[in-house]
Amino acid sequence: MLIIQNSGAIKIEFIMGRDTIAEIITSIRNADMNRKGTVQIASTNISENIIKILLQEGFIENVRKHREDNKTFFVLTLRHRRNRKVLYKTSLNLKRISRPGLRIYSNYQKIPRILGGMGIVILSTSRGIMTDREARLERIGGEVLCYIW
Protein backbone atom coordinates (compact mmCIF):
# COMPACT_ATOMS: atom_id res chain seq x y z
CA MET A 1 0.00 0.00 0.00
CA LEU A 2 1.31 3.41 -0.97
CA ILE A 3 0.01 6.41 0.98
CA ILE A 4 0.35 9.91 -0.45
CA GLN A 5 -0.83 12.99 1.47
CA ASN A 6 -1.54 16.26 -0.26
CA SER A 7 -3.74 19.24 0.51
CA GLY A 8 -5.91 17.61 3.16
CA ALA A 9 -6.62 14.39 1.26
CA ILE A 10 -5.18 10.94 1.74
CA LYS A 11 -4.60 8.94 -1.43
CA ILE A 12 -4.34 5.15 -1.14
CA GLU A 13 -2.96 3.00 -3.94
CA PHE A 14 -3.28 -0.75 -3.52
CA ILE A 15 -0.64 -3.31 -4.33
CA MET A 16 -1.82 -6.64 -5.72
CA GLY A 17 -1.94 -9.53 -3.27
CA ARG A 18 -3.16 -7.47 -0.33
CA ASP A 19 -6.45 -7.54 1.54
CA THR A 20 -8.22 -4.72 -0.28
CA ILE A 21 -11.26 -4.69 2.02
CA ALA A 22 -9.05 -4.23 5.09
CA GLU A 23 -7.15 -1.45 3.33
CA ILE A 24 -10.40 0.33 2.40
CA ILE A 25 -11.60 0.11 6.00
CA THR A 26 -8.25 1.23 7.39
CA SER A 27 -7.96 4.20 5.05
CA ILE A 28 -11.48 5.41 5.92
CA ARG A 29 -10.84 4.91 9.65
CA ASN A 30 -7.50 6.76 9.51
CA ALA A 31 -8.96 9.67 7.56
CA ASP A 32 -11.82 9.90 10.05
CA MET A 33 -9.48 9.83 13.07
CA ASN A 34 -7.22 12.50 11.52
CA ARG A 35 -10.20 14.73 10.71
CA LYS A 36 -9.53 14.56 6.99
CA GLY A 37 -12.53 15.63 4.96
CA THR A 38 -11.77 13.40 1.99
CA VAL A 39 -10.08 10.11 1.26
CA GLN A 40 -9.15 8.57 -2.10
CA ILE A 41 -9.62 4.83 -2.60
CA ALA A 42 -8.57 2.79 -5.62
CA SER A 43 -11.46 1.69 -7.80
CA THR A 44 -12.31 -2.01 -7.70
CA ASN A 45 -15.65 -3.81 -7.92
CA ILE A 46 -15.56 -4.64 -4.21
CA SER A 47 -14.67 -1.10 -3.17
CA GLU A 48 -17.43 0.28 -5.40
CA ASN A 49 -20.05 -1.97 -3.78
CA ILE A 50 -18.88 -1.19 -0.23
CA ILE A 51 -18.85 2.55 -0.96
CA LYS A 52 -22.40 2.36 -2.36
CA ILE A 53 -23.56 0.75 0.89
CA LEU A 54 -21.76 3.37 3.00
CA LEU A 55 -23.41 6.13 0.97
CA GLN A 56 -26.90 4.56 1.14
CA GLU A 57 -26.63 4.07 4.90
CA GLY A 58 -25.44 7.66 5.47
CA PHE A 59 -21.95 6.93 6.81
CA ILE A 60 -20.33 9.09 4.12
CA GLU A 61 -21.60 12.32 2.57
CA ASN A 62 -20.52 12.16 -1.06
CA VAL A 63 -18.64 10.01 -3.57
CA ARG A 64 -17.18 10.91 -6.92
CA LYS A 65 -15.14 8.88 -9.36
CA HIS A 66 -11.88 10.43 -10.51
CA ARG A 67 -9.34 9.39 -13.13
CA GLU A 68 -5.69 10.41 -13.03
CA ASP A 69 -2.69 8.93 -14.88
CA ASN A 70 -4.75 5.96 -16.20
CA LYS A 71 -5.78 5.06 -12.64
CA THR A 72 -9.37 5.32 -11.48
CA PHE A 73 -10.21 6.01 -7.85
CA PHE A 74 -13.08 7.16 -5.67
CA VAL A 75 -12.96 10.37 -3.66
CA LEU A 76 -15.08 10.01 -0.52
CA THR A 77 -16.30 12.97 1.52
CA LEU A 78 -16.59 11.81 5.12
CA ARG A 79 -19.28 12.82 7.59
CA HIS A 80 -17.97 14.21 10.90
CA ARG A 81 -19.54 15.20 14.19
CA ARG A 82 -18.82 18.85 14.75
CA ASN A 83 -19.13 19.78 18.41
CA ARG A 84 -16.69 22.43 19.64
CA LYS A 85 -17.40 21.96 23.36
CA VAL A 86 -16.39 18.31 23.44
CA LEU A 87 -13.13 16.85 22.19
CA TYR A 88 -13.31 15.33 18.72
CA LYS A 89 -14.58 11.76 18.69
CA THR A 90 -14.67 9.56 15.66
CA SER A 91 -18.12 9.18 14.22
CA LEU A 92 -17.34 6.15 12.10
CA ASN A 93 -16.32 2.78 13.53
CA LEU A 94 -15.37 -0.01 11.15
CA LYS A 95 -14.22 -3.52 12.01
CA ARG A 96 -13.00 -6.16 9.56
CA ILE A 97 -14.40 -9.59 10.45
CA SER A 98 -13.65 -12.13 7.72
CA ARG A 99 -10.09 -12.02 6.44
CA PRO A 100 -8.00 -14.05 3.99
CA GLY A 101 -6.58 -16.26 6.76
CA LEU A 102 -9.92 -16.86 8.48
CA ARG A 103 -13.19 -16.66 6.59
CA ILE A 104 -16.34 -16.15 8.68
CA TYR A 105 -19.68 -17.25 7.22
CA SER A 106 -23.19 -16.90 8.59
CA ASN A 107 -26.62 -18.03 7.55
CA TYR A 108 -29.38 -15.43 7.45
CA GLN A 109 -30.77 -16.43 10.86
CA LYS A 110 -27.46 -15.96 12.69
CA ILE A 111 -26.27 -12.70 11.13
CA PRO A 112 -25.26 -10.52 14.10
CA ARG A 113 -27.08 -7.27 14.93
CA ILE A 114 -24.74 -4.36 15.63
CA LEU A 115 -25.94 -2.04 18.42
CA GLY A 116 -29.40 -3.54 18.23
CA GLY A 117 -29.75 -2.69 14.54
CA MET A 118 -28.18 0.79 14.68
CA GLY A 119 -25.02 -0.42 12.91
CA ILE A 120 -24.73 -2.54 9.81
CA VAL A 121 -23.02 -5.75 8.79
CA ILE A 122 -21.72 -5.96 5.23
CA LEU A 123 -21.95 -9.45 3.73
CA SER A 124 -20.71 -10.99 0.52
CA THR A 125 -23.51 -13.25 -0.69
CA SER A 126 -24.28 -15.23 -3.82
CA ARG A 127 -26.33 -12.22 -4.98
CA GLY A 128 -23.57 -9.67 -4.38
CA ILE A 129 -22.40 -7.49 -1.52
CA MET A 130 -25.26 -6.32 0.70
CA THR A 131 -26.19 -5.24 4.21
CA ASP A 132 -27.49 -7.51 6.95
CA ARG A 133 -31.03 -6.15 6.58
CA GLU A 134 -31.14 -6.95 2.87
CA ALA A 135 -29.72 -10.44 3.46
CA ARG A 136 -32.34 -11.18 6.12
CA LEU A 137 -35.13 -9.99 3.81
CA GLU A 138 -33.85 -12.17 0.96
CA ARG A 139 -33.19 -15.02 3.40
CA ILE A 140 -29.61 -15.65 2.27
CA GLY A 141 -26.39 -15.84 4.23
CA GLY A 142 -22.81 -15.31 3.21
CA GLU A 143 -19.36 -14.19 4.25
CA VAL A 144 -19.35 -11.51 6.96
CA LEU A 145 -17.00 -8.83 5.62
CA CYS A 146 -17.20 -6.08 8.24
CA TYR A 147 -19.19 -4.27 10.93
CA ILE A 148 -19.90 -0.54 10.72
CA TRP A 149 -21.44 1.59 13.45
C-alpha atoms as a PDB file:
ATOM      1  CA  MET A   1       0.000   0.000   0.000  1.00  0.00           C
ATOM      2  CA  LEU A   2       1.312   3.407  -0.975  1.00  0.00           C
ATOM      3  CA  ILE A   3       0.010   6.414   0.985  1.00  0.00           C
ATOM      4  CA  ILE A   4       0.349   9.914  -0.454  1.00  0.00           C
ATOM      5  CA  GLN A   5      -0.834  12.986   1.473  1.00  0.00           C
ATOM      6  CA  ASN A   6      -1.543  16.258  -0.264  1.00  0.00           C
ATOM      7  CA  SER A   7      -3.743  19.244   0.512  1.00  0.00           C
ATOM      8  CA  GLY A   8      -5.908  17.614   3.162  1.00  0.00           C
ATOM      9  CA  ALA A   9      -6.621  14.389   1.262  1.00  0.00           C
ATOM     10  CA  ILE A  10      -5.179  10.936   1.742  1.00  0.00           C
ATOM     11  CA  LYS A  11      -4.599   8.937  -1.429  1.00  0.00           C
ATOM     12  CA  ILE A  12      -4.336   5.153  -1.141  1.00  0.00           C
ATOM     13  CA  GLU A  13      -2.962   3.000  -3.942  1.00  0.00           C
ATOM     14  CA  PHE A  14      -3.284  -0.750  -3.520  1.00  0.00           C
ATOM     15  CA  ILE A  15      -0.638  -3.307  -4.332  1.00  0.00           C
ATOM     16  CA  MET A  16      -1.821  -6.645  -5.718  1.00  0.00           C
ATOM     17  CA  GLY A  17      -1.940  -9.526  -3.268  1.00  0.00           C
ATOM     18  CA  ARG A  18      -3.158  -7.473  -0.332  1.00  0.00           C
ATOM     19  CA  ASP A  19      -6.449  -7.536   1.542  1.00  0.00           C
ATOM     20  CA  THR A  20      -8.220  -4.717  -0.280  1.00  0.00           C
ATOM     21  CA  ILE A  21     -11.257  -4.686   2.019  1.00  0.00           C
ATOM     22  CA  ALA A  22      -9.050  -4.228   5.087  1.00  0.00           C
ATOM     23  CA  GLU A  23      -7.146  -1.446   3.327  1.00  0.00           C
ATOM     24  CA  ILE A  24     -10.403   0.330   2.402  1.00  0.00           C
ATOM     25  CA  ILE A  25     -11.603   0.106   5.999  1.00  0.00           C
ATOM     26  CA  THR A  26      -8.251   1.231   7.389  1.00  0.00           C
ATOM     27  CA  SER A  27      -7.962   4.203   5.048  1.00  0.00           C
ATOM     28  CA  ILE A  28     -11.481   5.410   5.921  1.00  0.00           C
ATOM     29  CA  ARG A  29     -10.836   4.907   9.653  1.00  0.00           C
ATOM     30  CA  ASN A  30      -7.497   6.757   9.507  1.00  0.00           C
ATOM     31  CA  ALA A  31      -8.962   9.671   7.558  1.00  0.00           C
ATOM     32  CA  ASP A  32     -11.822   9.898  10.051  1.00  0.00           C
ATOM     33  CA  MET A  33      -9.482   9.834  13.067  1.00  0.00           C
ATOM     34  CA  ASN A  34      -7.215  12.496  11.521  1.00  0.00           C
ATOM     35  CA  ARG A  35     -10.203  14.730  10.708  1.00  0.00           C
ATOM     36  CA  LYS A  36      -9.531  14.565   6.986  1.00  0.00           C
ATOM     37  CA  GLY A  37     -12.528  15.628   4.961  1.00  0.00           C
ATOM     38  CA  THR A  38     -11.768  13.404   1.987  1.00  0.00           C
ATOM     39  CA  VAL A  39     -10.084  10.110   1.256  1.00  0.00           C
ATOM     40  CA  GLN A  40      -9.147   8.571  -2.097  1.00  0.00           C
ATOM     41  CA  ILE A  41      -9.624   4.833  -2.602  1.00  0.00           C
ATOM     42  CA  ALA A  42      -8.573   2.793  -5.621  1.00  0.00           C
ATOM     43  CA  SER A  43     -11.457   1.693  -7.795  1.00  0.00           C
ATOM     44  CA  THR A  44     -12.314  -2.006  -7.704  1.00  0.00           C
ATOM     45  CA  ASN A  45     -15.648  -3.811  -7.919  1.00  0.00           C
ATOM     46  CA  ILE A  46     -15.563  -4.638  -4.206  1.00  0.00           C
ATOM     47  CA  SER A  47     -14.671  -1.097  -3.166  1.00  0.00           C
ATOM     48  CA  GLU A  48     -17.431   0.284  -5.397  1.00  0.00           C
ATOM     49  CA  ASN A  49     -20.050  -1.970  -3.776  1.00  0.00           C
ATOM     50  CA  ILE A  50     -18.881  -1.190  -0.230  1.00  0.00           C
ATOM     51  CA  ILE A  51     -18.847   2.551  -0.959  1.00  0.00           C
ATOM     52  CA  LYS A  52     -22.395   2.364  -2.363  1.00  0.00           C
ATOM     53  CA  ILE A  53     -23.559   0.745   0.889  1.00  0.00           C
ATOM     54  CA  LEU A  54     -21.764   3.374   3.004  1.00  0.00           C
ATOM     55  CA  LEU A  55     -23.408   6.130   0.966  1.00  0.00           C
ATOM     56  CA  GLN A  56     -26.895   4.562   1.141  1.00  0.00           C
ATOM     57  CA  GLU A  57     -26.634   4.074   4.905  1.00  0.00           C
ATOM     58  CA  GLY A  58     -25.445   7.656   5.474  1.00  0.00           C
ATOM     59  CA  PHE A  59     -21.954   6.934   6.808  1.00  0.00           C
ATOM     60  CA  ILE A  60     -20.333   9.093   4.122  1.00  0.00           C
ATOM     61  CA  GLU A  61     -21.597  12.315   2.566  1.00  0.00           C
ATOM     62  CA  ASN A  62     -20.525  12.161  -1.059  1.00  0.00           C
ATOM     63  CA  VAL A  63     -18.642  10.006  -3.573  1.00  0.00           C
ATOM     64  CA  ARG A  64     -17.178  10.910  -6.916  1.00  0.00           C
ATOM     65  CA  LYS A  65     -15.140   8.883  -9.365  1.00  0.00           C
ATOM     66  CA  HIS A  66     -11.878  10.428 -10.514  1.00  0.00           C
ATOM     67  CA  ARG A  67      -9.338   9.385 -13.135  1.00  0.00           C
ATOM     68  CA  GLU A  68      -5.689  10.412 -13.030  1.00  0.00           C
ATOM     69  CA  ASP A  69      -2.693   8.927 -14.875  1.00  0.00           C
ATOM     70  CA  ASN A  70      -4.746   5.957 -16.200  1.00  0.00           C
ATOM     71  CA  LYS A  71      -5.784   5.062 -12.636  1.00  0.00           C
ATOM     72  CA  THR A  72      -9.367   5.321 -11.475  1.00  0.00           C
ATOM     73  CA  PHE A  73     -10.210   6.009  -7.853  1.00  0.00           C
ATOM     74  CA  PHE A  74     -13.076   7.165  -5.674  1.00  0.00           C
ATOM     75  CA  VAL A  75     -12.964  10.374  -3.659  1.00  0.00           C
ATOM     76  CA  LEU A  76     -15.084  10.014  -0.521  1.00  0.00           C
ATOM     77  CA  THR A  77     -16.300  12.966   1.520  1.00  0.00           C
ATOM     78  CA  LEU A  78     -16.586  11.815   5.116  1.00  0.00           C
ATOM     79  CA  ARG A  79     -19.279  12.819   7.586  1.00  0.00           C
ATOM     80  CA  HIS A  80     -17.972  14.213  10.902  1.00  0.00           C
ATOM     81  CA  ARG A  81     -19.539  15.197  14.191  1.00  0.00           C
ATOM     82  CA  ARG A  82     -18.818  18.854  14.754  1.00  0.00           C
ATOM     83  CA  ASN A  83     -19.126  19.782  18.415  1.00  0.00           C
ATOM     84  CA  ARG A  84     -16.694  22.434  19.640  1.00  0.00           C
ATOM     85  CA  LYS A  85     -17.399  21.964  23.360  1.00  0.00           C
ATOM     86  CA  VAL A  86     -16.391  18.309  23.439  1.00  0.00           C
ATOM     87  CA  LEU A  87     -13.127  16.845  22.187  1.00  0.00           C
ATOM     88  CA  TYR A  88     -13.309  15.328  18.717  1.00  0.00           C
ATOM     89  CA  LYS A  89     -14.576  11.760  18.691  1.00  0.00           C
ATOM     90  CA  THR A  90     -14.674   9.559  15.659  1.00  0.00           C
ATOM     91  CA  SER A  91     -18.125   9.179  14.218  1.00  0.00           C
ATOM     92  CA  LEU A  92     -17.340   6.147  12.105  1.00  0.00           C
ATOM     93  CA  ASN A  93     -16.325   2.777  13.535  1.00  0.00           C
ATOM     94  CA  LEU A  94     -15.367  -0.010  11.150  1.00  0.00           C
ATOM     95  CA  LYS A  95     -14.217  -3.521  12.013  1.00  0.00           C
ATOM     96  CA  ARG A  96     -12.999  -6.163   9.559  1.00  0.00           C
ATOM     97  CA  ILE A  97     -14.401  -9.592  10.446  1.00  0.00           C
ATOM     98  CA  SER A  98     -13.655 -12.127   7.718  1.00  0.00           C
ATOM     99  CA  ARG A  99     -10.091 -12.023   6.438  1.00  0.00           C
ATOM    100  CA  PRO A 100      -7.999 -14.050   3.989  1.00  0.00           C
ATOM    101  CA  GLY A 101      -6.581 -16.259   6.765  1.00  0.00           C
ATOM    102  CA  LEU A 102      -9.917 -16.862   8.484  1.00  0.00           C
ATOM    103  CA  ARG A 103     -13.189 -16.656   6.587  1.00  0.00           C
ATOM    104  CA  ILE A 104     -16.335 -16.153   8.678  1.00  0.00           C
ATOM    105  CA  TYR A 105     -19.682 -17.253   7.219  1.00  0.00           C
ATOM    106  CA  SER A 106     -23.189 -16.900   8.594  1.00  0.00           C
ATOM    107  CA  ASN A 107     -26.622 -18.030   7.546  1.00  0.00           C
ATOM    108  CA  TYR A 108     -29.377 -15.427   7.452  1.00  0.00           C
ATOM    109  CA  GLN A 109     -30.770 -16.430  10.864  1.00  0.00           C
ATOM    110  CA  LYS A 110     -27.462 -15.964  12.687  1.00  0.00           C
ATOM    111  CA  ILE A 111     -26.273 -12.698  11.129  1.00  0.00           C
ATOM    112  CA  PRO A 112     -25.265 -10.521  14.101  1.00  0.00           C
ATOM    113  CA  ARG A 113     -27.081  -7.266  14.925  1.00  0.00           C
ATOM    114  CA  ILE A 114     -24.745  -4.358  15.632  1.00  0.00           C
ATOM    115  CA  LEU A 115     -25.941  -2.036  18.418  1.00  0.00           C
ATOM    116  CA  GLY A 116     -29.401  -3.540  18.226  1.00  0.00           C
ATOM    117  CA  GLY A 117     -29.747  -2.695  14.544  1.00  0.00           C
ATOM    118  CA  MET A 118     -28.177   0.793  14.675  1.00  0.00           C
ATOM    119  CA  GLY A 119     -25.024  -0.417  12.913  1.00  0.00           C
ATOM    120  CA  ILE A 120     -24.732  -2.541   9.809  1.00  0.00           C
ATOM    121  CA  VAL A 121     -23.025  -5.754   8.789  1.00  0.00           C
ATOM    122  CA  ILE A 122     -21.717  -5.961   5.229  1.00  0.00           C
ATOM    123  CA  LEU A 123     -21.952  -9.447   3.728  1.00  0.00           C
ATOM    124  CA  SER A 124     -20.713 -10.990   0.520  1.00  0.00           C
ATOM    125  CA  THR A 125     -23.512 -13.248  -0.694  1.00  0.00           C
ATOM    126  CA  SER A 126     -24.275 -15.227  -3.819  1.00  0.00           C
ATOM    127  CA  ARG A 127     -26.328 -12.220  -4.985  1.00  0.00           C
ATOM    128  CA  GLY A 128     -23.573  -9.668  -4.384  1.00  0.00           C
ATOM    129  CA  ILE A 129     -22.397  -7.494  -1.523  1.00  0.00           C
ATOM    130  CA  MET A 130     -25.258  -6.321   0.699  1.00  0.00           C
ATOM    131  CA  THR A 131     -26.193  -5.238   4.214  1.00  0.00           C
ATOM    132  CA  ASP A 132     -27.485  -7.515   6.949  1.00  0.00           C
ATOM    133  CA  ARG A 133     -31.028  -6.153   6.580  1.00  0.00           C
ATOM    134  CA  GLU A 134     -31.140  -6.949   2.865  1.00  0.00           C
ATOM    135  CA  ALA A 135     -29.719 -10.441   3.464  1.00  0.00           C
ATOM    136  CA  ARG A 136     -32.339 -11.184   6.118  1.00  0.00           C
ATOM    137  CA  LEU A 137     -35.133  -9.993   3.810  1.00  0.00           C
ATOM    138  CA  GLU A 138     -33.849 -12.171   0.964  1.00  0.00           C
ATOM    139  CA  ARG A 139     -33.188 -15.022   3.403  1.00  0.00           C
ATOM    140  CA  ILE A 140     -29.614 -15.652   2.273  1.00  0.00           C
ATOM    141  CA  GLY A 141     -26.393 -15.845   4.228  1.00  0.00           C
ATOM    142  CA  GLY A 142     -22.813 -15.307   3.205  1.00  0.00           C
ATOM    143  CA  GLU A 143     -19.357 -14.193   4.248  1.00  0.00           C
ATOM    144  CA  VAL A 144     -19.350 -11.515   6.958  1.00  0.00           C
ATOM    145  CA  LEU A 145     -16.998  -8.831   5.621  1.00  0.00           C
ATOM    146  CA  CYS A 146     -17.202  -6.078   8.236  1.00  0.00           C
ATOM    147  CA  TYR A 147     -19.189  -4.275  10.935  1.00  0.00           C
ATOM    148  CA  ILE A 148     -19.896  -0.541  10.717  1.00  0.00           C
ATOM    149  CA  TRP A 149     -21.444   1.588  13.452  1.00  0.00           C
END
